Amino acid sequence: FEDSVRAQDQNGEKGRQYALIRVTYKDRD
């Protein structure tokens, strides 16, 4: 299950005021 979960930075730029983290999960079901 851990291998199917990904968390990525969505708006990694200098001086940003908040962080957006995209979390995805892939499953056959």
PDB file of all heavy atoms in Angstrom:
ATOM      1  N   PHE A   1       0.832  -1.204   0.000  1.00  0.00           N
ATOM      2  CA  PHE A   1       0.000   0.000   0.000  1.00  0.00           C
ATOM      3  C   PHE A   1       0.870   1.260   0.000  1.00  0.00           C
ATOM      4  O   PHE A   1       0.538   2.236  -0.669  1.00  0.00           O
ATOM      5  CB  PHE A   1      -0.941   0.005   1.208  1.00  0.00           C
ATOM      6  CG  PHE A   1      -2.217  -0.748   0.975  1.00  0.00           C
ATOM      7  CD1 PHE A   1      -2.275  -2.117   1.161  1.00  0.00           C
ATOM      8  CD2 PHE A   1      -3.370  -0.099   0.576  1.00  0.00           C
ATOM      9  CE1 PHE A   1      -3.440  -2.817   0.951  1.00  0.00           C
ATOM     10  CE2 PHE A   1      -4.546  -0.788   0.364  1.00  0.00           C
ATOM     11  CZ  PHE A   1      -4.585  -2.152   0.551  1.00  0.00           C
ATOM     12  N   GLU A   2       1.961   1.248   0.765  1.00  0.00           N
ATOM     13  CA  GLU A   2       2.852   2.410   0.816  1.00  0.00           C
ATOM     14  C   GLU A   2       3.445   2.715  -0.556  1.00  0.00           C
ATOM     15  O   GLU A   2       3.642   3.875  -0.906  1.00  0.00           O
ATOM     16  CB  GLU A   2       3.984   2.188   1.815  1.00  0.00           C
ATOM     17  CG  GLU A   2       3.587   2.331   3.249  1.00  0.00           C
ATOM     18  CD  GLU A   2       4.719   2.014   4.213  1.00  0.00           C
ATOM     19  OE1 GLU A   2       5.801   1.568   3.763  1.00  0.00           O
ATOM     20  OE2 GLU A   2       4.528   2.207   5.425  1.00  0.00           O
ATOM     21  N   ASP A   3       3.739   1.668  -1.329  1.00  0.00           N
ATOM     22  CA  ASP A   3       4.303   1.876  -2.663  1.00  0.00           C
ATOM     23  C   ASP A   3       3.306   2.526  -3.609  1.00  0.00           C
ATOM     24  O   ASP A   3       3.698   3.101  -4.626  1.00  0.00           O
ATOM     25  CB  ASP A   3       4.781   0.547  -3.254  1.00  0.00           C
ATOM     26  CG  ASP A   3       6.018   0.009  -2.546  1.00  0.00           C
ATOM     27  OD1 ASP A   3       6.686   0.804  -1.843  1.00  0.00           O
ATOM     28  OD2 ASP A   3       6.302  -1.195  -2.681  1.00  0.00           O
ATOM     29  N   SER A   4       2.020   2.429  -3.307  1.00  0.00           N
ATOM     30  CA  SER A   4       0.980   3.002  -4.167  1.00  0.00           C
ATOM     31  C   SER A   4       0.616   4.429  -3.795  1.00  0.00           C
ATOM     32  O   SER A   4      -0.151   5.067  -4.493  1.00  0.00           O
ATOM     33  CB  SER A   4      -0.283   2.138  -4.106  1.00  0.00           C
ATOM     34  OG  SER A   4      -0.007   0.844  -4.585  1.00  0.00           O
ATOM     35  N   VAL A   5       1.149   4.930  -2.684  1.00  0.00           N
ATOM     36  CA  VAL A   5       0.833   6.286  -2.218  1.00  0.00           C
ATOM     37  C   VAL A   5       1.969   7.225  -2.607  1.00  0.00           C
ATOM     38  O   VAL A   5       3.135   6.925  -2.382  1.00  0.00           O
ATOM     39  CB  VAL A   5       0.627   6.299  -0.684  1.00  0.00           C
ATOM     40  CG1 VAL A   5       0.427   7.717  -0.188  1.00  0.00           C
ATOM     41  CG2 VAL A   5      -0.543   5.432  -0.302  1.00  0.00           C
ATOM     42  N   ARG A   6       1.614   8.366  -3.181  1.00  0.00           N
ATOM     43  CA  ARG A   6       2.604   9.385  -3.553  1.00  0.00           C
ATOM     44  C   ARG A   6       2.137  10.744  -3.045  1.00  0.00           C
ATOM     45  O   ARG A   6       0.958  11.087  -3.177  1.00  0.00           O
ATOM     46  CB  ARG A   6       2.755   9.496  -5.070  1.00  0.00           C
ATOM     47  CG  ARG A   6       3.279   8.275  -5.744  1.00  0.00           C
ATOM     48  CD  ARG A   6       4.800   8.262  -5.744  1.00  0.00           C
ATOM     49  NE  ARG A   6       5.291   7.096  -6.439  1.00  0.00           N
ATOM     50  CZ  ARG A   6       5.635   5.977  -5.854  1.00  0.00           C
ATOM     51  NH1 ARG A   6       5.544   5.855  -4.571  1.00  0.00           N
ATOM     52  NH2 ARG A   6       6.081   4.953  -6.544  1.00  0.00           N
ATOM     53  N   ALA A   7       3.052  11.498  -2.506  1.00  0.00           N
ATOM     54  CA  ALA A   7       2.783  12.879  -2.101  1.00  0.00           C
ATOM     55  C   ALA A   7       3.789  13.760  -2.822  1.00  0.00           C
ATOM     56  O   ALA A   7       4.992  13.518  -2.748  1.00  0.00           O
ATOM     57  CB  ALA A   7       2.907  13.029  -0.586  1.00  0.00           C
ATOM     58  N   GLN A   8       3.288  14.775  -3.532  1.00  0.00           N
ATOM     59  CA  GLN A   8       4.155  15.641  -4.327  1.00  0.00           C
ATOM     60  C   GLN A   8       3.848  17.107  -4.034  1.00  0.00           C
ATOM     61  O   GLN A   8       2.700  17.468  -3.772  1.00  0.00           O
ATOM     62  CB  GLN A   8       3.940  15.385  -5.818  1.00  0.00           C
ATOM     63  CG  GLN A   8       4.239  13.980  -6.244  1.00  0.00           C
ATOM     64  CD  GLN A   8       3.765  13.704  -7.656  1.00  0.00           C
ATOM     65  OE1 GLN A   8       2.792  14.287  -8.122  1.00  0.00           O
ATOM     66  NE2 GLN A   8       4.451  12.799  -8.331  1.00  0.00           N
ATOM     67  N   ASP A   9       4.890  17.924  -4.127  1.00  0.00           N
ATOM     68  CA  ASP A   9       4.728  19.364  -3.965  1.00  0.00           C
ATOM     69  C   ASP A   9       4.105  19.911  -5.251  1.00  0.00           C
ATOM     70  O   ASP A   9       4.595  19.662  -6.349  1.00  0.00           O
ATOM     71  CB  ASP A   9       6.096  19.996  -3.716  1.00  0.00           C
ATOM     72  CG  ASP A   9       5.995  21.440  -3.284  1.00  0.00           C
ATOM     73  OD1 ASP A   9       4.872  21.943  -3.126  1.00  0.00           O
ATOM     74  OD2 ASP A   9       7.054  22.057  -3.085  1.00  0.00           O
ATOM     75  N   GLN A  10       3.037  20.669  -5.101  1.00  0.00           N
ATOM     76  CA  GLN A  10       2.316  21.150  -6.274  1.00  0.00           C
ATOM     77  C   GLN A  10       2.711  22.573  -6.659  1.00  0.00           C
ATOM     78  O   GLN A  10       2.626  22.926  -7.819  1.00  0.00           O
ATOM     79  CB  GLN A  10       0.807  21.084  -5.988  1.00  0.00           C
ATOM     80  CG  GLN A  10      -0.054  21.110  -7.197  1.00  0.00           C
ATOM     81  CD  GLN A  10       0.194  19.934  -8.118  1.00  0.00           C
ATOM     82  OE1 GLN A  10       0.617  18.878  -7.713  1.00  0.00           O
ATOM     83  NE2 GLN A  10      -0.065  20.127  -9.388  1.00  0.00           N
ATOM     84  N   ASN A  11       3.122  23.382  -5.702  1.00  0.00           N
ATOM     85  CA  ASN A  11       3.444  24.786  -6.020  1.00  0.00           C
ATOM     86  C   ASN A  11       4.755  25.216  -5.373  1.00  0.00           C
ATOM     87  O   ASN A  11       4.806  26.190  -4.651  1.00  0.00           O
ATOM     88  CB  ASN A  11       2.295  25.710  -5.581  1.00  0.00           C
ATOM     89  CG  ASN A  11       2.134  25.769  -4.080  1.00  0.00           C
ATOM     90  OD1 ASN A  11       2.507  24.840  -3.378  1.00  0.00           O
ATOM     91  ND2 ASN A  11       1.594  26.855  -3.585  1.00  0.00           N
ATOM     92  N   GLY A  12       5.818  24.497  -5.641  1.00  0.00           N
ATOM     93  CA  GLY A  12       7.113  24.794  -5.021  1.00  0.00           C
ATOM     94  C   GLY A  12       7.813  25.961  -5.675  1.00  0.00           C
ATOM     95  O   GLY A  12       8.624  25.776  -6.565  1.00  0.00           O
ATOM     96  N   GLU A  13       7.511  27.168  -5.239  1.00  0.00           N
ATOM     97  CA  GLU A  13       8.170  28.339  -5.791  1.00  0.00           C
ATOM     98  C   GLU A  13       8.659  29.239  -4.666  1.00  0.00           C
ATOM     99  O   GLU A  13       8.214  29.111  -3.520  1.00  0.00           O
ATOM    100  CB  GLU A  13       7.232  29.113  -6.718  1.00  0.00           C
ATOM    101  CG  GLU A  13       6.036  29.700  -6.013  1.00  0.00           C
ATOM    102  CD  GLU A  13       4.722  29.267  -6.625  1.00  0.00           C
ATOM    103  OE1 GLU A  13       4.696  28.393  -7.479  1.00  0.00           O
ATOM    104  OE2 GLU A  13       3.710  29.807  -6.206  1.00  0.00           O
ATOM    105  N   LYS A  14       9.523  30.148  -4.992  1.00  0.00           N
ATOM    106  CA  LYS A  14      10.115  31.036  -3.991  1.00  0.00           C
ATOM    107  C   LYS A  14       9.055  32.011  -3.473  1.00  0.00           C
ATOM    108  O   LYS A  14       8.288  32.577  -4.230  1.00  0.00           O
ATOM    109  CB  LYS A  14      11.265  31.810  -4.620  1.00  0.00           C
ATOM    110  CG  LYS A  14      11.952  32.734  -3.665  1.00  0.00           C
ATOM    111  CD  LYS A  14      13.087  33.460  -4.324  1.00  0.00           C
ATOM    112  CE  LYS A  14      13.714  34.416  -3.329  1.00  0.00           C
ATOM    113  NZ  LYS A  14      14.793  35.169  -3.898  1.00  0.00           N
ATOM    114  N   GLY A  15       9.034  32.156  -2.148  1.00  0.00           N
ATOM    115  CA  GLY A  15       8.162  33.147  -1.534  1.00  0.00           C
ATOM    116  C   GLY A  15       6.687  32.799  -1.518  1.00  0.00           C
ATOM    117  O   GLY A  15       5.850  33.682  -1.378  1.00  0.00           O
ATOM    118  N   ARG A  16       6.338  31.559  -1.636  1.00  0.00           N
ATOM    119  CA  ARG A  16       4.911  31.198  -1.623  1.00  0.00           C
ATOM    120  C   ARG A  16       4.324  31.396  -0.232  1.00  0.00           C
ATOM    121  O   ARG A  16       5.021  31.331   0.771  1.00  0.00           O
ATOM    122  CB  ARG A  16       4.719  29.761  -2.101  1.00  0.00           C
ATOM    123  CG  ARG A  16       5.410  28.721  -1.248  1.00  0.00           C
ATOM    124  CD  ARG A  16       5.215  27.361  -1.828  1.00  0.00           C
ATOM    125  NE  ARG A  16       6.092  26.379  -1.194  1.00  0.00           N
ATOM    126  CZ  ARG A  16       6.016  25.096  -1.421  1.00  0.00           C
ATOM    127  NH1 ARG A  16       5.121  24.632  -2.256  1.00  0.00           N
ATOM    128  NH2 ARG A  16       6.838  24.269  -0.828  1.00  0.00           N
ATOM    129  N   GLN A  17       3.024  31.600  -0.174  1.00  0.00           N
ATOM    130  CA  GLN A  17       2.341  31.873   1.083  1.00  0.00           C
ATOM    131  C   GLN A  17       1.676  30.633   1.673  1.00  0.00           C
ATOM    132  O   GLN A  17       1.198  30.671   2.800  1.00  0.00           O
ATOM    133  CB  GLN A  17       1.283  32.965   0.875  1.00  0.00           C
ATOM    134  CG  GLN A  17       1.874  34.294   0.452  1.00  0.00           C
ATOM    135  CD  GLN A  17       2.817  34.858   1.504  1.00  0.00           C
ATOM    136  OE1 GLN A  17       2.481  34.906   2.677  1.00  0.00           O
ATOM    137  NE2 GLN A  17       4.003  35.268   1.091  1.00  0.00           N
ATOM    138  N   TYR A  18       1.597  29.556   0.915  1.00  0.00           N
ATOM    139  CA  TYR A  18       1.019  28.301   1.386  1.00  0.00           C
ATOM    140  C   TYR A  18       1.594  27.168   0.549  1.00  0.00           C
ATOM    141  O   TYR A  18       2.150  27.398  -0.528  1.00  0.00           O
ATOM    142  CB  TYR A  18      -0.516  28.308   1.288  1.00  0.00           C
ATOM    143  CG  TYR A  18      -1.031  28.528  -0.107  1.00  0.00           C
ATOM    144  CD1 TYR A  18      -1.307  27.455  -0.939  1.00  0.00           C
ATOM    145  CD2 TYR A  18      -1.219  29.809  -0.604  1.00  0.00           C
ATOM    146  CE1 TYR A  18      -1.756  27.647  -2.231  1.00  0.00           C
ATOM    147  CE2 TYR A  18      -1.667  30.014  -1.887  1.00  0.00           C
ATOM    148  CZ  TYR A  18      -1.950  28.933  -2.694  1.00  0.00           C
ATOM    149  OH  TYR A  18      -2.393  29.132  -3.975  1.00  0.00           O
ATOM    150  N   ALA A  19       1.450  25.949   1.041  1.00  0.00           N
ATOM    151  CA  ALA A  19       1.963  24.783   0.306  1.00  0.00           C
ATOM    152  C   ALA A  19       0.785  23.933  -0.153  1.00  0.00           C
ATOM    153  O   ALA A  19      -0.148  23.683   0.609  1.00  0.00           O
ATOM    154  CB  ALA A  19       2.871  23.961   1.201  1.00  0.00           C
ATOM    155  N   LEU A  20       0.818  23.512  -1.395  1.00  0.00           N
ATOM    156  CA  LEU A  20      -0.163  22.571  -1.935  1.00  0.00           C
ATOM    157  C   LEU A  20       0.527  21.229  -2.102  1.00  0.00           C
ATOM    158  O   LEU A  20       1.538  21.128  -2.786  1.00  0.00           O
ATOM    159  CB  LEU A  20      -0.680  23.030  -3.299  1.00  0.00           C
ATOM    160  CG  LEU A  20      -1.833  24.011  -3.305  1.00  0.00           C
ATOM    161  CD1 LEU A  20      -2.192  24.376  -4.741  1.00  0.00           C
ATOM    162  CD2 LEU A  20      -3.034  23.483  -2.594  1.00  0.00           C
ATOM    163  N   ILE A  21      -0.044  20.218  -1.481  1.00  0.00           N
ATOM    164  CA  ILE A  21       0.529  18.874  -1.547  1.00  0.00           C
ATOM    165  C   ILE A  21      -0.485  17.969  -2.236  1.00  0.00           C
ATOM    166  O   ILE A  21      -1.612  17.820  -1.777  1.00  0.00           O
ATOM    167  CB  ILE A  21       0.838  18.338  -0.131  1.00  0.00           C
ATOM    168  CG1 ILE A  21       1.783  19.300   0.590  1.00  0.00           C
ATOM    169  CG2 ILE A  21       1.432  16.943  -0.201  1.00  0.00           C
ATOM    170  CD1 ILE A  21       1.874  19.070   2.075  1.00  0.00           C
ATOM    171  N   ARG A  22      -0.094  17.395  -3.375  1.00  0.00           N
ATOM    172  CA  ARG A  22      -0.971  16.474  -4.111  1.00  0.00           C
ATOM    173  C   ARG A  22      -0.668  15.052  -3.640  1.00  0.00           C
ATOM    174  O   ARG A  22       0.448  14.572  -3.762  1.00  0.00           O
ATOM    175  CB  ARG A  22      -0.745  16.564  -5.613  1.00  0.00           C
ATOM    176  CG  ARG A  22      -1.629  15.612  -6.418  1.00  0.00           C
ATOM    177  CD  ARG A  22      -1.420  15.752  -7.909  1.00  0.00           C
ATOM    178  NE  ARG A  22      -1.728  17.077  -8.377  1.00  0.00           N
ATOM    179  CZ  ARG A  22      -2.953  17.492  -8.704  1.00  0.00           C
ATOM    180  NH1 ARG A  22      -3.968  16.701  -8.567  1.00  0.00           N
ATOM    181  NH2 ARG A  22      -3.144  18.720  -9.144  1.00  0.00           N
ATOM    182  N   VAL A  23      -1.703  14.390  -3.127  1.00  0.00           N
ATOM    183  CA  VAL A  23      -1.572  13.023  -2.646  1.00  0.00           C
ATOM    184  C   VAL A  23      -2.351  12.127  -3.610  1.00  0.00           C
ATOM    185  O   VAL A  23      -3.532  12.373  -3.869  1.00  0.00           O
ATOM    186  CB  VAL A  23      -2.129  12.865  -1.211  1.00  0.00           C
ATOM    187  CG1 VAL A  23      -1.907  11.454  -0.713  1.00  0.00           C
ATOM    188  CG2 VAL A  23      -1.485  13.863  -0.281  1.00  0.00           C
ATOM    189  N   THR A  24      -1.673  11.113  -4.164  1.00  0.00           N
ATOM    190  CA  THR A  24      -2.329  10.188  -5.087  1.00  0.00           C
ATOM    191  C   THR A  24      -2.172   8.760  -4.578  1.00  0.00           C
ATOM    192  O   THR A  24      -1.195   8.422  -3.918  1.00  0.00           O
ATOM    193  CB  THR A  24      -1.729  10.271  -6.511  1.00  0.00           C
ATOM    194  OG1 THR A  24      -0.331  10.012  -6.443  1.00  0.00           O
ATOM    195  CG2 THR A  24      -1.954  11.635  -7.127  1.00  0.00           C
ATOM    196  N   TYR A  25      -3.165   7.950  -4.910  1.00  0.00           N
ATOM    197  CA  TYR A  25      -3.150   6.536  -4.541  1.00  0.00           C
ATOM    198  C   TYR A  25      -3.639   5.740  -5.732  1.00  0.00           C
ATOM    199  O   TYR A  25      -4.696   6.015  -6.289  1.00  0.00           O
ATOM    200  CB  TYR A  25      -4.047   6.293  -3.324  1.00  0.00           C
ATOM    201  CG  TYR A  25      -4.239   4.836  -3.011  1.00  0.00           C
ATOM    202  CD1 TYR A  25      -3.182   4.052  -2.568  1.00  0.00           C
ATOM    203  CD2 TYR A  25      -5.467   4.226  -3.195  1.00  0.00           C
ATOM    204  CE1 TYR A  25      -3.351   2.714  -2.302  1.00  0.00           C
ATOM    205  CE2 TYR A  25      -5.653   2.884  -2.928  1.00  0.00           C
ATOM    206  CZ  TYR A  25      -4.589   2.133  -2.485  1.00  0.00           C
ATOM    207  OH  TYR A  25      -4.760   0.801  -2.230  1.00  0.00           O
ATOM    208  N   LYS A  26      -2.843   4.737  -6.159  1.00  0.00           N
ATOM    209  CA  LYS A  26      -3.199   3.865  -7.282  1.00  0.00           C
ATOM    210  C   LYS A  26      -3.593   2.501  -6.738  1.00  0.00           C
ATOM    211  O   LYS A  26      -2.893   1.942  -5.905  1.00  0.00           O
ATOM    212  CB  LYS A  26      -2.024   3.677  -8.235  1.00  0.00           C
ATOM    213  CG  LYS A  26      -1.724   4.852  -9.084  1.00  0.00           C
ATOM    214  CD  LYS A  26      -0.720   4.594 -10.184  1.00  0.00           C
ATOM    215  CE  LYS A  26       0.265   3.510  -9.951  1.00  0.00           C
ATOM    216  NZ  LYS A  26       1.277   3.384 -10.976  1.00  0.00           N
ATOM    217  N   ASP A  27      -4.711   1.970  -7.247  1.00  0.00           N
ATOM    218  CA  ASP A  27      -5.167   0.663  -6.797  1.00  0.00           C
ATOM    219  C   ASP A  27      -5.900  -0.016  -7.954  1.00  0.00           C
ATOM    220  O   ASP A  27      -6.492   0.645  -8.800  1.00  0.00           O
ATOM    221  CB  ASP A  27      -6.107   0.821  -5.604  1.00  0.00           C
ATOM    222  CG  ASP A  27      -6.266  -0.464  -4.818  1.00  0.00           C
ATOM    223  OD1 ASP A  27      -5.941  -1.541  -5.356  1.00  0.00           O
ATOM    224  OD2 ASP A  27      -6.717  -0.391  -3.665  1.00  0.00           O
ATOM    225  N   ARG A  28      -5.872  -1.320  -7.945  1.00  0.00           N
ATOM    226  CA  ARG A  28      -6.601  -2.070  -8.971  1.00  0.00           C
ATOM    227  C   ARG A  28      -8.077  -2.189  -8.628  1.00  0.00           C
ATOM    228  O   ARG A  28      -8.887  -2.513  -9.478  1.00  0.00           O
ATOM    229  CB  ARG A  28      -6.002  -3.463  -9.129  1.00  0.00           C
ATOM    230  CG  ARG A  28      -4.641  -3.417  -9.768  1.00  0.00           C
ATOM    231  CD  ARG A  28      -4.122  -4.796 -10.003  1.00  0.00           C
ATOM    232  NE  ARG A  28      -2.762  -4.734 -10.508  1.00  0.00           N
ATOM    233  CZ  ARG A  28      -1.961  -5.752 -10.550  1.00  0.00           C
ATOM    234  NH1 ARG A  28      -2.359  -6.919 -10.130  1.00  0.00           N
ATOM    235  NH2 ARG A  28      -0.743  -5.608 -11.015  1.00  0.00           N
ATOM    236  N   ASP A  29      -8.423  -1.965  -7.376  1.00  0.00           N
ATOM    237  CA  ASP A  29      -9.807  -2.028  -6.931  1.00  0.00           C
ATOM    238  C   ASP A  29     -10.356  -0.608  -6.883  1.00  0.00           C
ATOM    239  O   ASP A  29     -10.010   0.185  -6.013  1.00  0.00           O
ATOM    240  CB  ASP A  29      -9.876  -2.677  -5.545  1.00  0.00           C
ATOM    241  CG  ASP A  29     -11.288  -2.853  -5.045  1.00  0.00           C
ATOM    242  OD1 ASP A  29     -12.231  -2.576  -5.812  1.00  0.00           O
ATOM    243  OD2 ASP A  29     -11.458  -3.272  -3.888  1.00  0.00           O
TER     244      ASP A  29
END
